[in-house]
């Protein structure tokens, strides 16, 4: 396995959209690393569905609204951010660039958006928080509850602004690309938030077997219940976000358990293959929770137009993952800053073209299914 790659933005024409970063990242990353990040579970039906479903959402623009330059700022979980976008939690970011989480968090801080740090980050949460970014911490529930308590204490001490608990990983989805590649973590890339990296299994492997699921299976608690979430609510005084909700009934239960927000997400198509596209379930979840909590969309978001679509369907904001990782891969922090700047510009244009002065106005737009 190759070491993490560091490159500057390639020479030639600058990227004009987030898709440009994907093409360049594929050219510089080892194929197993590209597959690990880009791939989904099973036959990747849900992975593909995420994009197709977003492209089928047409936004009905308004005219003569007196909008010149929209104001992108928006409140998320009680704090005001530069736009209704956060950086989704992504594991092992040093796979694609040696600065990893430090670079992407710093870029998020410069852009004025929240950065969601993963339990499986390859840089400790304390160092990520020290970048000055507004950090939310994503929790994978561990079998060892004392480790969970320890992580919660570290999250508080680091000054994180929210806790995002992922609930759609009782087991890791079967990811055929990783199995075919026998994907394993390279030396120097570990789960830095866990004791001693908890990485012994993730660096082994044999043909047709990826050790990464084995490592996750050894660490993650598979049989969580709503009572566990209620316990978690009692342990923290931070906003609590439940990530990985698709069924409106689960969204209502999350609110009853004390959630301040839910993330409508199918884990980027990496868990249950055959689950619906996240955006397909967004309106039902929004209707189910009403004004009792905020609702975010995750999975498949690739542009400012996608952000507008999510807002028009009732979302408070979105989380963006893979596109920002591609930008990190090809340009480090400057690449990620460029990508976030492009996303902000696209969203500003999309809002103006739709006749919206700000993200709140976008939630009053109508959408029309197409295709």
Foldseek 3Di string as FASTA:
>chain_A
DDFADDAAFDDDDDDQFLVVLLVVLCVPADPLLNCVQQFAFDPLQQLVQQQVQLVQKFFAFDPPLPADFFQQWADDQRDIFRHQEEADEDAQLSNQPVCGLLLLQLLQQVRRHEYEYELRHQDAPLSNLVSVGQYEYEDFAWPDVVLVLVVQVVCVVSPHQEYEYEDQPLAWGHTQSCLQVLDADDPSGASVHDVVSLRPQRHDGDHSHGSVRVSCNNTGHNDDDLVVLLVVLVSDPHAYEYEQDQDLVVLLSNLVSPHQEYEQDPPQNHHDNVDHHSLVRLLVNCVSCPPSHAYEYEHNDTALSSQLSSLLSPHSHYHDYDSLSSLCNHRGNVSSSVNSVSRVVRNRVNCVRRSHNYSNRSNPIDIDGDD
